[in-house]
Amino acid sequence: TSEERRFAASPDGRNYPWGNEEPHGELANFMEEVGAPTPVGVYPAGAGKFGHQDLAGNVWEWCEDGEVEKNPDHRAKWGDRHWVTGGSWLNDARALAAAFRLGLRSSFRGGDVGFWVVISASQG
């Protein structure tokens, strides 16, 4: 969910995964400086508190939650809205903030949107 994603990026209230320092080219891929998505781990200085890489910039990440489209015609045509978080290589610095999220139709596809694969450690 977007709340779980926000906690991973900012467990202690920081503005960005790496802390409160304003984003720049050593911390994340944003504002078309590179002009395309990059492999995970290219910006180690931008790692989050738990060591996560690319929690800001590179590509927006789909979240499971969002908002149900109330108009049945729009819902049938485009689907519900789901949150995306983290900003992308096309966005300015404000979209990289840990608390920033954007609602996109579930039918949306683009070169600046991806997803995380998250698994839980086994218990036992």
PDB file of N, CA and C in Angstrom:
ATOM      1  N   THR A   1       0.832  -1.190   0.000  1.00  0.00           N
ATOM      2  CA  THR A   1       0.000   0.000   0.000  1.00  0.00           C
ATOM      3  C   THR A   1       0.876   1.253   0.000  1.00  0.00           C
ATOM      4  N   SER A   2       0.270   2.394  -0.282  1.00  0.00           N
ATOM      5  CA  SER A   2       1.039   3.634  -0.286  1.00  0.00           C
ATOM      6  C   SER A   2       1.566   3.968   1.107  1.00  0.00           C
ATOM      7  N   GLU A   3       0.826   3.603   2.146  1.00  0.00           N
ATOM      8  CA  GLU A   3       1.292   3.868   3.508  1.00  0.00           C
ATOM      9  C   GLU A   3       2.498   2.994   3.852  1.00  0.00           C
ATOM     10  N   GLU A   4       2.485   1.740   3.448  1.00  0.00           N
ATOM     11  CA  GLU A   4       3.654   0.875   3.669  1.00  0.00           C
ATOM     12  C   GLU A   4       4.860   1.400   2.901  1.00  0.00           C
ATOM     13  N   ARG A   5       4.631   1.846   1.691  1.00  0.00           N
ATOM     14  CA  ARG A   5       5.702   2.389   0.856  1.00  0.00           C
ATOM     15  C   ARG A   5       6.276   3.671   1.472  1.00  0.00           C
ATOM     16  N   ARG A   6       5.378   4.534   1.991  1.00  0.00           N
ATOM     17  CA  ARG A   6       5.821   5.762   2.641  1.00  0.00           C
ATOM     18  C   ARG A   6       6.671   5.439   3.876  1.00  0.00           C
ATOM     19  N   PHE A   7       6.258   4.450   4.667  1.00  0.00           N
ATOM     20  CA  PHE A   7       7.033   4.065   5.841  1.00  0.00           C
ATOM     21  C   PHE A   7       8.415   3.544   5.446  1.00  0.00           C
ATOM     22  N   ALA A   8       8.506   2.753   4.403  1.00  0.00           N
ATOM     23  CA  ALA A   8       9.808   2.259   3.942  1.00  0.00           C
ATOM     24  C   ALA A   8      10.719   3.425   3.550  1.00  0.00           C
ATOM     25  N   ALA A   9      10.144   4.457   2.927  1.00  0.00           N
ATOM     26  CA  ALA A   9      10.935   5.608   2.488  1.00  0.00           C
ATOM     27  C   ALA A   9      11.219   6.589   3.615  1.00  0.00           C
ATOM     28  N   SER A  10      10.372   6.622   4.640  1.00  0.00           N
ATOM     29  CA  SER A  10      10.515   7.624   5.692  1.00  0.00           C
ATOM     30  C   SER A  10      10.006   7.092   7.025  1.00  0.00           C
ATOM     31  N   PRO A  11      10.711   6.149   7.644  1.00  0.00           N
ATOM     32  CA  PRO A  11      10.224   5.568   8.893  1.00  0.00           C
ATOM     33  C   PRO A  11      10.278   6.537  10.070  1.00  0.00           C
ATOM     34  N   ASP A  12      11.053   7.599   9.931  1.00  0.00           N
ATOM     35  CA  ASP A  12      11.246   8.544  11.029  1.00  0.00           C
ATOM     36  C   ASP A  12      10.863   9.982  10.669  1.00  0.00           C
ATOM     37  N   GLY A  13      10.040  10.150   9.634  1.00  0.00           N
ATOM     38  CA  GLY A  13       9.553  11.475   9.284  1.00  0.00           C
ATOM     39  C   GLY A  13      10.457  12.298   8.389  1.00  0.00           C
ATOM     40  N   ARG A  14      11.499  11.697   7.838  1.00  0.00           N
ATOM     41  CA  ARG A  14      12.390  12.434   6.939  1.00  0.00           C
ATOM     42  C   ARG A  14      11.637  12.827   5.668  1.00  0.00           C
ATOM     43  N   ASN A  15      12.117  13.858   4.990  1.00  0.00           N
ATOM     44  CA  ASN A  15      11.469  14.326   3.765  1.00  0.00           C
ATOM     45  C   ASN A  15      11.696  13.386   2.589  1.00  0.00           C
ATOM     46  N   TYR A  16      12.871  12.788   2.510  1.00  0.00           N
ATOM     47  CA  TYR A  16      13.263  11.917   1.399  1.00  0.00           C
ATOM     48  C   TYR A  16      13.863  10.643   1.994  1.00  0.00           C
ATOM     49  N   PRO A  17      13.988   9.590   1.240  1.00  0.00           N
ATOM     50  CA  PRO A  17      14.554   8.349   1.789  1.00  0.00           C
ATOM     51  C   PRO A  17      15.925   8.539   2.439  1.00  0.00           C
ATOM     52  N   TRP A  18      16.774   9.389   1.890  1.00  0.00           N
ATOM     53  CA  TRP A  18      18.129   9.602   2.402  1.00  0.00           C
ATOM     54  C   TRP A  18      18.184  10.598   3.547  1.00  0.00           C
ATOM     55  N   GLY A  19      17.122  11.330   3.810  1.00  0.00           N
ATOM     56  CA  GLY A  19      17.098  12.336   4.878  1.00  0.00           C
ATOM     57  C   GLY A  19      16.381  13.592   4.428  1.00  0.00           C
ATOM     58  N   ASN A  20      16.842  14.738   4.874  1.00  0.00           N
ATOM     59  CA  ASN A  20      16.183  16.002   4.554  1.00  0.00           C
ATOM     60  C   ASN A  20      16.940  16.842   3.536  1.00  0.00           C
ATOM     61  N   GLU A  21      18.084  16.377   3.079  1.00  0.00           N
ATOM     62  CA  GLU A  21      18.855  17.082   2.052  1.00  0.00           C
ATOM     63  C   GLU A  21      18.044  17.138   0.755  1.00  0.00           C
ATOM     64  N   GLU A  22      18.026  18.316   0.117  1.00  0.00           N
ATOM     65  CA  GLU A  22      17.307  18.470  -1.144  1.00  0.00           C
ATOM     66  C   GLU A  22      17.871  17.509  -2.193  1.00  0.00           C
ATOM     67  N   PRO A  23      17.031  16.952  -3.057  1.00  0.00           N
ATOM     68  CA  PRO A  23      17.508  16.036  -4.102  1.00  0.00           C
ATOM     69  C   PRO A  23      18.514  16.695  -5.044  1.00  0.00           C
ATOM     70  N   HIS A  24      19.492  15.915  -5.457  1.00  0.00           N
ATOM     71  CA  HIS A  24      20.455  16.325  -6.483  1.00  0.00           C
ATOM     72  C   HIS A  24      20.915  15.069  -7.215  1.00  0.00           C
ATOM     73  N   GLY A  25      21.706  15.250  -8.250  1.00  0.00           N
ATOM     74  CA  GLY A  25      22.080  14.170  -9.156  1.00  0.00           C
ATOM     75  C   GLY A  25      22.870  13.019  -8.567  1.00  0.00           C
ATOM     76  N   GLU A  26      23.382  13.141  -7.353  1.00  0.00           N
ATOM     77  CA  GLU A  26      24.076  12.028  -6.700  1.00  0.00           C
ATOM     78  C   GLU A  26      23.128  11.150  -5.892  1.00  0.00           C
ATOM     79  N   LEU A  27      21.891  11.638  -5.681  1.00  0.00           N
ATOM     80  CA  LEU A  27      20.950  10.939  -4.813  1.00  0.00           C
ATOM     81  C   LEU A  27      19.851  10.182  -5.552  1.00  0.00           C
ATOM     82  N   ALA A  28      19.470  10.667  -6.732  1.00  0.00           N
ATOM     83  CA  ALA A  28      18.327  10.059  -7.428  1.00  0.00           C
ATOM     84  C   ALA A  28      18.328  10.461  -8.901  1.00  0.00           C
ATOM     85  N   ASN A  29      17.636   9.675  -9.692  1.00  0.00           N
ATOM     86  CA  ASN A  29      17.435   9.930 -11.118  1.00  0.00           C
ATOM     87  C   ASN A  29      16.126  10.703 -11.281  1.00  0.00           C
ATOM     88  N   PHE A  30      16.231  12.015 -11.574  1.00  0.00           N
ATOM     89  CA  PHE A  30      15.039  12.842 -11.746  1.00  0.00           C
ATOM     90  C   PHE A  30      15.349  14.021 -12.658  1.00  0.00           C
ATOM     91  N   MET A  31      14.307  14.683 -13.122  1.00  0.00           N
ATOM     92  CA  MET A  31      14.381  15.881 -13.964  1.00  0.00           C
ATOM     93  C   MET A  31      15.124  15.685 -15.283  1.00  0.00           C
ATOM     94  N   GLU A  32      14.995  14.530 -15.860  1.00  0.00           N
ATOM     95  CA  GLU A  32      15.544  14.268 -17.190  1.00  0.00           C
ATOM     96  C   GLU A  32      17.054  14.484 -17.297  1.00  0.00           C
ATOM     97  N   GLU A  33      17.773  14.462 -16.170  1.00  0.00           N
ATOM     98  CA  GLU A  33      19.233  14.597 -16.224  1.00  0.00           C
ATOM     99  C   GLU A  33      19.853  13.423 -16.981  1.00  0.00           C
ATOM    100  N   VAL A  34      19.325  12.235 -16.760  1.00  0.00           N
ATOM    101  CA  VAL A  34      19.811  11.041 -17.430  1.00  0.00           C
ATOM    102  C   VAL A  34      18.978  10.779 -18.683  1.00  0.00           C
ATOM    103  N   GLY A  35      17.688  11.056 -18.598  1.00  0.00           N
ATOM    104  CA  GLY A  35      16.806  10.921 -19.746  1.00  0.00           C
ATOM    105  C   GLY A  35      16.200   9.549 -19.949  1.00  0.00           C
ATOM    106  N   ALA A  36      16.325   8.660 -18.965  1.00  0.00           N
ATOM    107  CA  ALA A  36      15.765   7.312 -19.054  1.00  0.00           C
ATOM    108  C   ALA A  36      15.871   6.651 -17.684  1.00  0.00           C
ATOM    109  N   PRO A  37      15.107   5.590 -17.459  1.00  0.00           N
ATOM    110  CA  PRO A  37      15.275   4.833 -16.210  1.00  0.00           C
ATOM    111  C   PRO A  37      16.677   4.226 -16.143  1.00  0.00           C
ATOM    112  N   THR A  38      17.165   4.031 -14.934  1.00  0.00           N
ATOM    113  CA  THR A  38      18.469   3.429 -14.701  1.00  0.00           C
ATOM    114  C   THR A  38      18.314   2.149 -13.877  1.00  0.00           C
ATOM    115  N   PRO A  39      19.306   1.269 -13.902  1.00  0.00           N
ATOM    116  CA  PRO A  39      19.229   0.066 -13.067  1.00  0.00           C
ATOM    117  C   PRO A  39      19.175   0.428 -11.580  1.00  0.00           C
ATOM    118  N   VAL A  40      18.519  -0.387 -10.794  1.00  0.00           N
ATOM    119  CA  VAL A  40      18.456  -0.174  -9.351  1.00  0.00           C
ATOM    120  C   VAL A  40      19.871  -0.211  -8.786  1.00  0.00           C
ATOM    121  N   GLY A  41      20.170   0.720  -7.895  1.00  0.00           N
ATOM    122  CA  GLY A  41      21.455   0.737  -7.206  1.00  0.00           C
ATOM    123  C   GLY A  41      22.474   1.706  -7.767  1.00  0.00           C
ATOM    124  N   VAL A  42      22.135   2.456  -8.807  1.00  0.00           N
ATOM    125  CA  VAL A  42      23.068   3.416  -9.404  1.00  0.00           C
ATOM    126  C   VAL A  42      23.286   4.620  -8.478  1.00  0.00           C
ATOM    127  N   TYR A  43      22.369   4.866  -7.543  1.00  0.00           N
ATOM    128  CA  TYR A  43      22.437   6.023  -6.647  1.00  0.00           C
ATOM    129  C   TYR A  43      22.525   5.569  -5.182  1.00  0.00           C
ATOM    130  N   PRO A  44      23.619   4.922  -4.769  1.00  0.00           N
ATOM    131  CA  PRO A  44      23.709   4.405  -3.404  1.00  0.00           C
ATOM    132  C   PRO A  44      23.636   5.494  -2.330  1.00  0.00           C
ATOM    133  N   ALA A  45      24.034   6.723  -2.638  1.00  0.00           N
ATOM    134  CA  ALA A  45      23.947   7.809  -1.659  1.00  0.00           C
ATOM    135  C   ALA A  45      22.491   8.161  -1.340  1.00  0.00           C
ATOM    136  N   GLY A  46      21.554   7.744  -2.188  1.00  0.00           N
ATOM    137  CA  GLY A  46      20.144   8.019  -1.975  1.00  0.00           C
ATOM    138  C   GLY A  46      19.396   6.901  -1.273  1.00  0.00           C
ATOM    139  N   ALA A  47      20.120   5.941  -0.718  1.00  0.00           N
ATOM    140  CA  ALA A  47      19.479   4.799  -0.049  1.00  0.00           C
ATOM    141  C   ALA A  47      18.671   5.261   1.161  1.00  0.00           C
ATOM    142  N   GLY A  48      17.618   4.514   1.460  1.00  0.00           N
ATOM    143  CA  GLY A  48      16.788   4.787   2.624  1.00  0.00           C
ATOM    144  C   GLY A  48      17.416   4.247   3.895  1.00  0.00           C
ATOM    145  N   LYS A  49      16.760   4.505   5.013  1.00  0.00           N
ATOM    146  CA  LYS A  49      17.263   4.107   6.328  1.00  0.00           C
ATOM    147  C   LYS A  49      17.513   2.606   6.426  1.00  0.00           C
ATOM    148  N   PHE A  50      16.706   1.800   5.737  1.00  0.00           N
ATOM    149  CA  PHE A  50      16.856   0.353   5.799  1.00  0.00           C
ATOM    150  C   PHE A  50      17.749  -0.189   4.685  1.00  0.00           C
ATOM    151  N   GLY A  51      18.382   0.714   3.919  1.00  0.00           N
ATOM    152  CA  GLY A  51      19.253   0.293   2.838  1.00  0.00           C
ATOM    153  C   GLY A  51      18.561   0.127   1.498  1.00  0.00           C
ATOM    154  N   HIS A  52      17.257   0.418   1.409  1.00  0.00           N
ATOM    155  CA  HIS A  52      16.519   0.320   0.147  1.00  0.00           C
ATOM    156  C   HIS A  52      17.103   1.271  -0.883  1.00  0.00           C
ATOM    157  N   GLN A  53      17.180   0.843  -2.105  1.00  0.00           N
ATOM    158  CA  GLN A  53      17.665   1.669  -3.208  1.00  0.00           C
ATOM    159  C   GLN A  53      16.494   2.170  -4.051  1.00  0.00           C
ATOM    160  N   ASP A  54      16.650   3.337  -4.645  1.00  0.00           N
ATOM    161  CA  ASP A  54      15.691   3.908  -5.597  1.00  0.00           C
ATOM    162  C   ASP A  54      14.275   4.044  -5.046  1.00  0.00           C
ATOM    163  N   LEU A  55      14.169   4.488  -3.799  1.00  0.00           N
ATOM    164  CA  LEU A  55      12.856   4.792  -3.232  1.00  0.00           C
ATOM    165  C   LEU A  55      12.360   6.156  -3.698  1.00  0.00           C
ATOM    166  N   ALA A  56      13.217   6.896  -4.394  1.00  0.00           N
ATOM    167  CA  ALA A  56      12.842   8.200  -4.948  1.00  0.00           C
ATOM    168  C   ALA A  56      13.476   8.312  -6.328  1.00  0.00           C
ATOM    169  N   GLY A  57      12.703   8.807  -7.277  1.00  0.00           N
ATOM    170  CA  GLY A  57      13.207   8.963  -8.635  1.00  0.00           C
ATOM    171  C   GLY A  57      13.185   7.652  -9.406  1.00  0.00           C
ATOM    172  N   ASN A  58      13.772   7.683 -10.562  1.00  0.00           N
ATOM    173  CA  ASN A  58      13.848   6.561 -11.496  1.00  0.00           C
ATOM    174  C   ASN A  58      12.487   6.278 -12.125  1.00  0.00           C
ATOM    175  N   VAL A  59      11.618   5.493 -11.488  1.00  0.00           N
ATOM    176  CA  VAL A  59      10.259   5.285 -12.001  1.00  0.00           C
ATOM    177  C   VAL A  59       9.265   5.374 -10.848  1.00  0.00           C
ATOM    178  N   TRP A  60       8.059   5.890 -11.151  1.00  0.00           N
ATOM    179  CA  TRP A  60       6.958   5.840 -10.191  1.00  0.00           C
ATOM    180  C   TRP A  60       6.699   4.380  -9.878  1.00  0.00           C
ATOM    181  N   GLU A  61       6.227   4.098  -8.669  1.00  0.00           N
ATOM    182  CA  GLU A  61       5.916   2.727  -8.289  1.00  0.00           C
ATOM    183  C   GLU A  61       4.439   2.597  -7.943  1.00  0.00           C
ATOM    184  N   TRP A  62       3.777   1.659  -8.631  1.00  0.00           N
ATOM    185  CA  TRP A  62       2.363   1.397  -8.367  1.00  0.00           C
ATOM    186  C   TRP A  62       2.190   0.889  -6.942  1.00  0.00           C
ATOM    187  N   CYS A  63       1.118   1.299  -6.295  1.00  0.00           N
ATOM    188  CA  CYS A  63       0.745   0.779  -4.985  1.00  0.00           C
ATOM    189  C   CYS A  63      -0.588   0.052  -5.115  1.00  0.00           C
ATOM    190  N   GLU A  64      -0.837  -0.826  -4.196  1.00  0.00           N
ATOM    191  CA  GLU A  64      -2.063  -1.628  -4.243  1.00  0.00           C
ATOM    192  C   GLU A  64      -3.312  -0.779  -4.005  1.00  0.00           C
ATOM    193  N   ASP A  65      -3.207   0.245  -3.190  1.00  0.00           N
ATOM    194  CA  ASP A  65      -4.375   1.026  -2.828  1.00  0.00           C
ATOM    195  C   ASP A  65      -4.591   2.220  -3.744  1.00  0.00           C
ATOM    196  N   GLY A  66      -5.727   2.859  -3.591  1.00  0.00           N
ATOM    197  CA  GLY A  66      -6.065   4.017  -4.403  1.00  0.00           C
ATOM    198  C   GLY A  66      -7.477   4.464  -4.120  1.00  0.00           C
ATOM    199  N   GLU A  67      -8.181   4.912  -5.139  1.00  0.00           N
ATOM    200  CA  GLU A  67      -9.555   5.382  -4.999  1.00  0.00           C
ATOM    201  C   GLU A  67     -10.436   4.713  -6.052  1.00  0.00           C
ATOM    202  N   VAL A  68     -11.611   4.305  -5.634  1.00  0.00           N
ATOM    203  CA  VAL A  68     -12.566   3.702  -6.556  1.00  0.00           C
ATOM    204  C   VAL A  68     -13.178   4.812  -7.416  1.00  0.00           C
ATOM    205  N   GLU A  69     -13.233   4.588  -8.715  1.00  0.00           N
ATOM    206  CA  GLU A  69     -13.880   5.536  -9.627  1.00  0.00           C
ATOM    207  C   GLU A  69     -15.382   5.451  -9.420  1.00  0.00           C
ATOM    208  N   LYS A  70     -15.982   6.588  -9.094  1.00  0.00           N
ATOM    209  CA  LYS A  70     -17.416   6.612  -8.791  1.00  0.00           C
ATOM    210  C   LYS A  70     -18.289   6.590 -10.046  1.00  0.00           C
ATOM    211  N   ASN A  71     -17.795   7.096 -11.154  1.00  0.00           N
ATOM    212  CA  ASN A  71     -18.562   7.116 -12.395  1.00  0.00           C
ATOM    213  C   ASN A  71     -18.436   5.744 -13.066  1.00  0.00           C
ATOM    214  N   PRO A  72     -19.532   4.991 -13.175  1.00  0.00           N
ATOM    215  CA  PRO A  72     -19.449   3.633 -13.725  1.00  0.00           C
ATOM    216  C   PRO A  72     -18.951   3.582 -15.175  1.00  0.00           C
ATOM    217  N   ASP A  73     -19.272   4.591 -15.975  1.00  0.00           N
ATOM    218  CA  ASP A  73     -18.789   4.619 -17.362  1.00  0.00           C
ATOM    219  C   ASP A  73     -17.275   4.800 -17.404  1.00  0.00           C
ATOM    220  N   HIS A  74     -16.760   5.713 -16.580  1.00  0.00           N
ATOM    221  CA  HIS A  74     -15.306   5.934 -16.516  1.00  0.00           C
ATOM    222  C   HIS A  74     -14.595   4.705 -15.954  1.00  0.00           C
ATOM    223  N   ARG A  75     -15.225   4.084 -14.932  1.00  0.00           N
ATOM    224  CA  ARG A  75     -14.613   2.901 -14.326  1.00  0.00           C
ATOM    225  C   ARG A  75     -14.499   1.774 -15.346  1.00  0.00           C
ATOM    226  N   ALA A  76     -15.558   1.570 -16.129  1.00  0.00           N
ATOM    227  CA  ALA A  76     -15.537   0.518 -17.149  1.00  0.00           C
ATOM    228  C   ALA A  76     -14.486   0.803 -18.227  1.00  0.00           C
ATOM    229  N   LYS A  77     -14.292   2.061 -18.562  1.00  0.00           N
ATOM    230  CA  LYS A  77     -13.368   2.426 -19.635  1.00  0.00           C
ATOM    231  C   LYS A  77     -11.915   2.497 -19.177  1.00  0.00           C
ATOM    232  N   TRP A  78     -11.676   3.089 -17.991  1.00  0.00           N
ATOM    233  CA  TRP A  78     -10.291   3.350 -17.563  1.00  0.00           C
ATOM    234  C   TRP A  78      -9.895   2.657 -16.265  1.00  0.00           C
ATOM    235  N   GLY A  79     -10.840   2.137 -15.511  1.00  0.00           N
ATOM    236  CA  GLY A  79     -10.520   1.488 -14.245  1.00  0.00           C
ATOM    237  C   GLY A  79     -10.491   2.469 -13.086  1.00  0.00           C
ATOM    238  N   ASP A  80     -10.163   1.956 -11.922  1.00  0.00           N
ATOM    239  CA  ASP A  80     -10.037   2.766 -10.709  1.00  0.00           C
ATOM    240  C   ASP A  80      -8.717   3.529 -10.735  1.00  0.00           C
ATOM    241  N   ARG A  81      -8.571   4.437  -9.782  1.00  0.00           N
ATOM    242  CA  ARG A  81      -7.295   5.133  -9.609  1.00  0.00           C
ATOM    243  C   ARG A  81      -6.468   4.374  -8.568  1.00  0.00           C
ATOM    244  N   HIS A  82      -5.195   4.228  -8.844  1.00  0.00           N
ATOM    245  CA  HIS A  82      -4.270   3.638  -7.881  1.00  0.00           C
ATOM    246  C   HIS A  82      -3.155   4.635  -7.628  1.00  0.00           C
ATOM    247  N   TRP A  83      -2.627   4.598  -6.411  1.00  0.00           N
ATOM    248  CA  TRP A  83      -1.545   5.515  -6.078  1.00  0.00           C
ATOM    249  C   TRP A  83      -0.245   5.050  -6.702  1.00  0.00           C
ATOM    250  N   VAL A  84       0.540   6.008  -7.163  1.00  0.00           N
ATOM    251  CA  VAL A  84       1.941   5.778  -7.519  1.00  0.00           C
ATOM    252  C   VAL A  84       2.756   6.704  -6.643  1.00  0.00           C
ATOM    253  N   THR A  85       3.959   6.263  -6.267  1.00  0.00           N
ATOM    254  CA  THR A  85       4.797   7.021  -5.344  1.00  0.00           C
ATOM    255  C   THR A  85       6.238   7.034  -5.825  1.00  0.00           C
ATOM    256  N   GLY A  86       7.021   7.941  -5.281  1.00  0.00           N
ATOM    257  CA  GLY A  86       8.465   7.962  -5.516  1.00  0.00           C
ATOM    258  C   GLY A  86       8.941   8.902  -6.594  1.00  0.00           C
ATOM    259  N   GLY A  87       8.072   9.349  -7.485  1.00  0.00           N
ATOM    260  CA  GLY A  87       8.515  10.206  -8.577  1.00  0.00           C
ATOM    261  C   GLY A  87       9.283   9.405  -9.624  1.00  0.00           C
ATOM    262  N   SER A  88       9.703  10.078 -10.688  1.00  0.00           N
ATOM    263  CA  SER A  88      10.417   9.382 -11.754  1.00  0.00           C
ATOM    264  C   SER A  88      11.491  10.265 -12.366  1.00  0.00           C
ATOM    265  N   TRP A  89      12.175   9.717 -13.342  1.00  0.00           N
ATOM    266  CA  TRP A  89      13.226  10.438 -14.047  1.00  0.00           C
ATOM    267  C   TRP A  89      12.688  11.650 -14.794  1.00  0.00           C
ATOM    268  N   LEU A  90      11.382  11.732 -15.007  1.00  0.00           N
ATOM    269  CA  LEU A  90      10.763  12.861 -15.699  1.00  0.00           C
ATOM    270  C   LEU A  90      10.307  13.980 -14.768  1.00  0.00           C
ATOM    271  N   ASN A  91      10.320  13.759 -13.454  1.00  0.00           N
ATOM    272  CA  ASN A  91       9.728  14.689 -12.505  1.00  0.00           C
ATOM    273  C   ASN A  91      10.735  15.603 -11.831  1.00  0.00           C
ATOM    274  N   ASP A  92      10.198  16.701 -11.276  1.00  0.00           N
ATOM    275  CA  ASP A  92      11.040  17.583 -10.481  1.00  0.00           C
ATOM    276  C   ASP A  92      11.145  17.051  -9.057  1.00  0.00           C
ATOM    277  N   ALA A  93      11.918  17.736  -8.235  1.00  0.00           N
ATOM    278  CA  ALA A  93      12.256  17.256  -6.897  1.00  0.00           C
ATOM    279  C   ALA A  93      11.053  17.059  -5.984  1.00  0.00           C
ATOM    280  N   ARG A  94       9.997  17.857  -6.133  1.00  0.00           N
ATOM    281  CA  ARG A  94       8.875  17.726  -5.187  1.00  0.00           C
ATOM    282  C   ARG A  94       8.223  16.353  -5.269  1.00  0.00           C
ATOM    283  N   ALA A  95       8.235  15.706  -6.422  1.00  0.00           N
ATOM    284  CA  ALA A  95       7.621  14.385  -6.566  1.00  0.00           C
ATOM    285  C   ALA A  95       8.437  13.292  -5.874  1.00  0.00           C
ATOM    286  N   LEU A  96       9.672  13.578  -5.495  1.00  0.00           N
ATOM    287  CA  LEU A  96      10.525  12.597  -4.839  1.00  0.00           C
ATOM    288  C   LEU A  96      10.294  12.517  -3.339  1.00  0.00           C
ATOM    289  N   ALA A  97       9.540  13.453  -2.772  1.00  0.00           N
ATOM    290  CA  ALA A  97       9.283  13.468  -1.335  1.00  0.00           C
ATOM    291  C   ALA A  97       8.580  12.182  -0.906  1.00  0.00           C
ATOM    292  N   ALA A  98       8.949  11.679   0.252  1.00  0.00           N
ATOM    293  CA  ALA A  98       8.400  10.408   0.741  1.00  0.00           C
ATOM    294  C   ALA A  98       6.880  10.435   0.864  1.00  0.00           C
ATOM    295  N   ALA A  99       6.294  11.573   1.194  1.00  0.00           N
ATOM    296  CA  ALA A  99       4.851  11.661   1.394  1.00  0.00           C
ATOM    297  C   ALA A  99       4.077  11.950   0.106  1.00  0.00           C
ATOM    298  N   PHE A 100       4.759  12.195  -1.007  1.00  0.00           N
ATOM    299  CA  PHE A 100       4.077  12.563  -2.248  1.00  0.00           C
ATOM    300  C   PHE A 100       3.524  11.319  -2.933  1.00  0.00           C
ATOM    301  N   ARG A 101       2.277  11.396  -3.375  1.00  0.00           N
ATOM    302  CA  ARG A 101       1.683  10.311  -4.149  1.00  0.00           C
ATOM    303  C   ARG A 101       0.773  10.922  -5.206  1.00  0.00           C
ATOM    304  N   LEU A 102       0.545  10.166  -6.250  1.00  0.00           N
ATOM    305  CA  LEU A 102      -0.245  10.616  -7.383  1.00  0.00           C
ATOM    306  C   LEU A 102      -1.215   9.506  -7.742  1.00  0.00           C
ATOM    307  N   GLY A 103      -2.451   9.850  -8.096  1.00  0.00           N
ATOM    308  CA  GLY A 103      -3.438   8.853  -8.508  1.00  0.00           C
ATOM    309  C   GLY A 103      -3.467   8.711 -10.016  1.00  0.00           C
ATOM    310  N   LEU A 104      -3.243   7.504 -10.508  1.00  0.00           N
ATOM    311  CA  LEU A 104      -3.328   7.216 -11.936  1.00  0.00           C
ATOM    312  C   LEU A 104      -4.371   6.133 -12.178  1.00  0.00           C
ATOM    313  N   ARG A 105      -5.012   6.204 -13.324  1.00  0.00           N
ATOM    314  CA  ARG A 105      -5.967   5.159 -13.700  1.00  0.00           C
ATOM    315  C   ARG A 105      -5.232   3.829 -13.823  1.00  0.00           C
ATOM    316  N   SER A 106      -5.877   2.771 -13.410  1.00  0.00           N
ATOM    317  CA  SER A 106      -5.232   1.456 -13.458  1.00  0.00           C
ATOM    318  C   SER A 106      -4.910   1.017 -14.881  1.00  0.00           C
ATOM    319  N   SER A 107      -5.517   1.651 -15.877  1.00  0.00           N
ATOM    320  CA  SER A 107      -5.224   1.323 -17.276  1.00  0.00           C
ATOM    321  C   SER A 107      -3.992   2.062 -17.816  1.00  0.00           C
ATOM    322  N   PHE A 108      -3.432   2.999 -17.025  1.00  0.00           N
ATOM    323  CA  PHE A 108      -2.304   3.810 -17.495  1.00  0.00           C
ATOM    324  C   PHE A 108      -1.051   2.949 -17.704  1.00  0.00           C
ATOM    325  N   ARG A 109      -0.326   3.232 -18.771  1.00  0.00           N
ATOM    326  CA  ARG A 109       0.975   2.605 -19.038  1.00  0.00           C
ATOM    327  C   ARG A 109       1.925   3.697 -19.501  1.00  0.00           C
ATOM    328  N   GLY A 110       3.178   3.616 -19.076  1.00  0.00           N
ATOM    329  CA  GLY A 110       4.151   4.611 -19.487  1.00  0.00           C
ATOM    330  C   GLY A 110       5.558   4.177 -19.120  1.00  0.00           C
ATOM    331  N   GLY A 111       6.531   4.791 -19.734  1.00  0.00           N
ATOM    332  CA  GLY A 111       7.930   4.453 -19.513  1.00  0.00           C
ATOM    333  C   GLY A 111       8.513   5.002 -18.230  1.00  0.00           C
ATOM    334  N   ASP A 112       7.695   5.687 -17.444  1.00  0.00           N
ATOM    335  CA  ASP A 112       8.187   6.217 -16.176  1.00  0.00           C
ATOM    336  C   ASP A 112       7.423   5.640 -14.985  1.00  0.00           C
ATOM    337  N   VAL A 113       6.724   4.513 -15.200  1.00  0.00           N
ATOM    338  CA  VAL A 113       5.966   3.868 -14.133  1.00  0.00           C
ATOM    339  C   VAL A 113       6.336   2.395 -14.083  1.00  0.00           C
ATOM    340  N   GLY A 114       6.621   1.903 -12.895  1.00  0.00           N
ATOM    341  CA  GLY A 114       6.974   0.497 -12.706  1.00  0.00           C
ATOM    342  C   GLY A 114       6.374  -0.010 -11.409  1.00  0.00           C
ATOM    343  N   PHE A 115       6.988  -1.002 -10.810  1.00  0.00           N
ATOM    344  CA  PHE A 115       6.480  -1.523  -9.549  1.00  0.00           C
ATOM    345  C   PHE A 115       7.610  -2.186  -8.784  1.00  0.00           C
ATOM    346  N   TRP A 116       7.395  -2.332  -7.508  1.00  0.00           N
ATOM    347  CA  TRP A 116       8.300  -3.045  -6.610  1.00  0.00           C
ATOM    348  C   TRP A 116       7.769  -4.448  -6.430  1.00  0.00           C
ATOM    349  N   VAL A 117       8.634  -5.381  -6.281  1.00  0.00           N
ATOM    350  CA  VAL A 117       8.231  -6.719  -5.850  1.00  0.00           C
ATOM    351  C   VAL A 117       8.632  -6.823  -4.385  1.00  0.00           C
ATOM    352  N   VAL A 118       7.644  -7.046  -3.523  1.00  0.00           N
ATOM    353  CA  VAL A 118       7.880  -7.091  -2.083  1.00  0.00           C
ATOM    354  C   VAL A 118       7.487  -8.467  -1.584  1.00  0.00           C
ATOM    355  N   ILE A 119       8.372  -9.062  -0.805  1.00  0.00           N
ATOM    356  CA  ILE A 119       8.065 -10.353  -0.192  1.00  0.00           C
ATOM    357  C   ILE A 119       8.321 -10.261   1.303  1.00  0.00           C
ATOM    358  N   SER A 120       7.628 -11.056   2.058  1.00  0.00           N
ATOM    359  CA  SER A 120       7.811 -11.097   3.506  1.00  0.00           C
ATOM    360  C   SER A 120       8.778 -12.215   3.837  1.00  0.00           C
ATOM    361  N   ALA A 121       9.591 -11.982   4.855  1.00  0.00           N
ATOM    362  CA  ALA A 121      10.471 -13.034   5.343  1.00  0.00           C
ATOM    363  C   ALA A 121       9.602 -14.132   5.947  1.00  0.00           C
ATOM    364  N   SER A 122       9.961 -15.385   5.715  1.00  0.00           N
ATOM    365  CA  SER A 122       9.151 -16.471   6.249  1.00  0.00           C
ATOM    366  C   SER A 122       9.255 -16.515   7.769  1.00  0.00           C
ATOM    367  N   GLN A 123       8.174 -16.859   8.396  1.00  0.00           N
ATOM    368  CA  GLN A 123       8.124 -16.991   9.857  1.00  0.00           C
ATOM    369  C   GLN A 123       8.240 -18.469  10.203  1.00  0.00           C
ATOM    370  N   GLY A 124       9.101 -18.779  11.149  1.00  0.00           N
ATOM    371  CA  GLY A 124       9.132 -20.166  11.581  1.00  0.00           C
ATOM    372  C   GLY A 124      10.453 -20.697  11.536  1.00  0.00           C
TER     373      GLY A 124
END
